[in-house]
Amino acid sequence: PDDHTRQCAAKALGVPLALQPQAKALILERVRDVALEQGLPYEPDRADNQHRLNMGMFPQGAQIIANPYNKIPGFTCKGSGEGWVHFVPGFPVMAWPMMQDKLDAYCQLWGAAPKRAERSVIVFGAMEATLTPLMETVEMQFPGVKVFSLPSVDHPQWGKHIELGVKGEELISVEAFAALKAGLQTFQVEFGPEMVR
């Protein structure tokens, strides 16, 4: 989180900023790692490296959120009510694993989330508008499932086609996809590969 974010969080919580000890250790560890990678001496007292410690100035009492990407942590604080507030970098490559860690830790109370899946098939020779009623029917038959269509006019492998599929809980998505494919049999279309994500 940037300087303004850290300052605003501290102000909102009514506490001062303080150098979080674990954050300090991780930032200096990152400084050492970068120095080693570049073949330079590790100089933690150098002015620019001391300035980097500002990245660990969090609202007093904050806990760190580990950053597996580059070790520069985010932080989490207890809010004014019963909830917690989490702060991570804006870069998805860093934010994703950091928030995943928090979700895994805090959401266990509610049990495991149902496993989700996406199933699709490449369809040749169809117009998206003609498939819309089928898509709506499948969504009505299978609550919680979303049907999608991704038309392409110049795909390098498949040329003009529509990727037609379903997303939802894994077990119900299998049934919904079977219904979607069965419904496609009434159209004059050709099928390409199927995909599961």
Protein backbone atom coordinates (compact mmCIF):
# COMPACT_ATOMS: atom_id res chain seq x y z
CA PRO A 1 0.00 0.00 0.00
CA ASP A 2 1.25 3.48 -0.80
CA ASP A 3 2.06 6.29 1.64
CA HIS A 4 -1.35 7.93 1.34
CA THR A 5 -3.17 4.66 1.93
CA ARG A 6 -1.16 3.92 5.07
CA GLN A 7 -1.66 7.46 6.38
CA CYS A 8 -5.41 7.40 5.70
CA ALA A 9 -5.79 4.00 7.37
CA ALA A 10 -4.01 5.23 10.50
CA LYS A 11 -6.11 8.40 10.58
CA ALA A 12 -9.35 6.45 10.11
CA LEU A 13 -8.39 4.11 12.95
CA GLY A 14 -7.25 6.98 15.18
CA VAL A 15 -3.74 5.59 15.71
CA PRO A 16 -0.27 6.76 14.68
CA LEU A 17 1.89 5.13 12.04
CA ALA A 18 4.68 2.93 13.40
CA LEU A 19 7.36 0.77 11.82
CA GLN A 20 5.99 -2.75 12.16
CA PRO A 21 8.86 -5.03 13.34
CA GLN A 22 8.07 -7.96 11.03
CA ALA A 23 7.65 -5.59 8.09
CA LYS A 24 11.05 -4.03 8.86
CA ALA A 25 12.71 -7.45 8.89
CA LEU A 26 11.06 -8.48 5.60
CA ILE A 27 11.93 -5.21 3.85
CA LEU A 28 15.57 -5.50 4.91
CA GLU A 29 15.55 -9.13 3.76
CA ARG A 30 14.31 -7.95 0.36
CA VAL A 31 17.03 -5.26 0.25
CA ARG A 32 19.63 -7.96 0.98
CA ASP A 33 18.16 -10.28 -1.70
CA VAL A 34 18.28 -7.53 -4.34
CA ALA A 35 21.87 -6.62 -3.40
CA LEU A 36 22.91 -10.28 -3.76
CA GLU A 37 21.11 -10.60 -7.13
CA GLN A 38 22.93 -7.52 -8.40
CA GLY A 39 26.31 -8.48 -6.92
CA LEU A 40 26.32 -5.43 -4.65
CA PRO A 41 27.14 -5.15 -0.95
CA TYR A 42 24.24 -5.28 1.51
CA GLU A 43 24.03 -1.79 3.02
CA PRO A 44 20.93 -1.56 5.23
CA ASP A 45 21.98 1.83 6.66
CA ARG A 46 22.29 3.51 3.26
CA ALA A 47 19.78 6.39 2.90
CA ASP A 48 17.71 4.81 0.11
CA ASN A 49 17.44 1.54 2.01
CA GLN A 50 16.39 3.37 5.17
CA HIS A 51 13.77 5.18 3.09
CA ARG A 52 12.43 1.80 1.92
CA LEU A 53 11.52 1.07 5.54
CA ASN A 54 8.68 3.59 5.11
CA MET A 55 6.88 0.77 3.28
CA GLY A 56 6.58 -0.89 6.71
CA MET A 57 5.06 2.14 8.45
CA PHE A 58 1.63 0.77 9.27
CA PRO A 59 -1.11 1.89 11.65
CA GLN A 60 0.05 1.04 15.15
CA GLY A 61 -0.98 -2.51 16.07
CA ALA A 62 -1.27 -3.71 12.46
CA GLN A 63 -0.34 -7.25 11.53
CA ILE A 64 1.48 -8.05 8.31
CA ILE A 65 0.08 -9.81 5.27
CA ALA A 66 2.93 -11.82 3.73
CA ASN A 67 3.78 -11.04 0.11
CA PRO A 68 5.16 -14.14 -1.65
CA TYR A 69 6.01 -12.09 -4.75
CA ASN A 70 8.64 -9.71 -3.37
CA LYS A 71 8.40 -9.93 0.45
CA ILE A 72 7.17 -6.32 0.87
CA PRO A 73 4.17 -6.95 3.14
CA GLY A 74 0.70 -5.54 3.23
CA PHE A 75 -1.12 -5.13 6.50
CA THR A 76 -4.33 -5.92 8.29
CA CYS A 77 -5.99 -4.00 11.12
CA LYS A 78 -8.98 -4.50 13.34
CA GLY A 79 -11.58 -1.96 12.30
CA SER A 80 -13.68 0.15 14.63
CA GLY A 81 -16.37 -2.54 14.77
CA GLU A 82 -15.96 -6.30 14.68
CA GLY A 83 -14.40 -6.53 11.23
CA TRP A 84 -10.88 -6.48 9.92
CA VAL A 85 -9.53 -4.27 7.15
CA HIS A 86 -6.87 -5.63 4.77
CA PHE A 87 -4.43 -3.58 2.69
CA VAL A 88 -2.43 -5.06 -0.18
CA PRO A 89 -0.54 -3.67 -3.19
CA GLY A 90 -2.55 -2.75 -6.25
CA PHE A 91 -0.65 -5.12 -8.53
CA PRO A 92 -2.78 -8.25 -9.11
CA VAL A 93 0.28 -10.52 -9.20
CA MET A 94 0.91 -9.53 -5.56
CA ALA A 95 -2.61 -8.82 -4.35
CA TRP A 96 -4.12 -12.14 -5.47
CA PRO A 97 -2.03 -14.50 -3.29
CA MET A 98 -2.12 -12.08 -0.37
CA MET A 99 -5.92 -11.85 -0.38
CA GLN A 100 -6.22 -15.58 -1.04
CA ASP A 101 -4.26 -16.16 2.17
CA LYS A 102 -6.63 -13.89 4.13
CA LEU A 103 -9.73 -15.46 2.61
CA ASP A 104 -8.44 -18.94 3.37
CA ALA A 105 -7.68 -17.94 6.97
CA TYR A 106 -10.86 -16.02 7.79
CA CYS A 107 -13.46 -17.78 5.70
CA GLN A 108 -12.79 -21.24 7.11
CA LEU A 109 -15.41 -20.38 9.71
CA TRP A 110 -18.05 -20.67 7.01
CA GLY A 111 -16.78 -23.96 5.63
CA ALA A 112 -15.20 -24.73 2.32
CA ALA A 113 -16.54 -22.90 -0.69
CA PRO A 114 -18.06 -25.18 -3.30
CA LYS A 115 -15.64 -26.04 -6.06
CA ARG A 116 -16.44 -24.05 -9.20
CA ALA A 117 -15.83 -24.97 -12.81
CA GLU A 118 -16.19 -23.55 -16.28
CA ARG A 119 -17.00 -25.81 -19.23
CA SER A 120 -17.19 -24.67 -22.82
CA VAL A 121 -17.20 -25.87 -26.41
CA ILE A 122 -16.10 -24.21 -29.62
CA VAL A 123 -19.12 -23.85 -31.94
CA PHE A 124 -18.81 -23.21 -35.67
CA GLY A 125 -21.59 -21.96 -37.94
CA ALA A 126 -23.81 -20.32 -35.33
CA MET A 127 -25.00 -16.77 -34.82
CA GLU A 128 -24.90 -15.60 -31.22
CA ALA A 129 -28.42 -14.14 -31.38
CA THR A 130 -29.91 -17.50 -32.41
CA LEU A 131 -28.30 -19.18 -29.38
CA THR A 132 -29.64 -16.65 -26.85
CA PRO A 133 -32.95 -18.46 -26.12
CA LEU A 134 -31.05 -21.70 -25.43
CA MET A 135 -28.65 -19.85 -23.15
CA GLU A 136 -31.52 -18.28 -21.20
CA THR A 137 -33.28 -21.64 -20.88
CA VAL A 138 -30.18 -23.32 -19.43
CA GLU A 139 -29.73 -20.50 -16.90
CA MET A 140 -33.39 -20.86 -15.82
CA GLN A 141 -33.09 -24.66 -15.50
CA PHE A 142 -29.89 -24.46 -13.44
CA PRO A 143 -30.01 -21.65 -10.85
CA GLY A 144 -26.55 -20.37 -9.96
CA VAL A 145 -25.13 -21.29 -13.36
CA LYS A 146 -24.09 -18.55 -15.77
CA VAL A 147 -24.04 -19.28 -19.49
CA PHE A 148 -21.57 -17.34 -21.60
CA SER A 149 -20.76 -16.88 -25.27
CA LEU A 150 -17.51 -15.44 -26.56
CA PRO A 151 -17.67 -14.81 -30.31
CA SER A 152 -14.47 -14.53 -32.32
CA VAL A 153 -14.08 -13.59 -35.96
CA ASP A 154 -10.37 -14.18 -36.51
CA HIS A 155 -9.03 -16.67 -33.99
CA PRO A 156 -5.60 -17.92 -35.17
CA GLN A 157 -6.52 -21.57 -34.61
CA TRP A 158 -10.29 -21.78 -35.05
CA GLY A 159 -11.17 -18.76 -37.19
CA LYS A 160 -14.75 -17.53 -36.87
CA HIS A 161 -16.48 -19.31 -33.98
CA ILE A 162 -18.30 -18.92 -30.67
CA GLU A 163 -16.97 -20.33 -27.42
CA LEU A 164 -20.18 -21.31 -25.63
CA GLY A 165 -20.12 -22.50 -22.06
CA VAL A 166 -21.31 -22.51 -18.46
CA LYS A 167 -19.80 -21.45 -15.13
CA GLY A 168 -20.94 -22.54 -11.70
CA GLU A 169 -20.54 -25.08 -8.93
CA GLU A 170 -18.65 -28.03 -10.33
CA LEU A 171 -21.35 -30.70 -10.07
CA ILE A 172 -24.21 -28.58 -11.40
CA SER A 173 -22.03 -27.18 -14.18
CA VAL A 174 -21.60 -30.73 -15.53
CA GLU A 175 -25.39 -31.11 -15.77
CA ALA A 176 -25.88 -27.62 -17.21
CA PHE A 177 -23.18 -28.18 -19.83
CA ALA A 178 -24.80 -31.46 -20.88
CA ALA A 179 -28.13 -29.63 -21.28
CA LEU A 180 -26.44 -26.87 -23.29
CA LYS A 181 -24.82 -29.38 -25.65
CA ALA A 182 -28.10 -31.29 -26.01
CA GLY A 183 -29.85 -28.04 -26.90
CA LEU A 184 -27.20 -27.28 -29.52
CA GLN A 185 -28.16 -30.47 -31.37
CA THR A 186 -31.23 -28.67 -32.74
CA PHE A 187 -29.01 -26.16 -34.58
CA GLN A 188 -27.05 -26.73 -37.78
CA VAL A 189 -23.64 -26.26 -36.14
CA GLU A 190 -20.31 -28.02 -35.95
CA PHE A 191 -18.38 -28.58 -32.74
CA GLY A 192 -14.74 -27.97 -32.00
CA PRO A 193 -12.85 -28.86 -28.84
CA GLU A 194 -14.33 -28.78 -25.36
CA MET A 195 -12.56 -27.07 -22.48
CA VAL A 196 -12.78 -27.35 -18.69
CA ARG A 197 -11.32 -24.68 -16.43
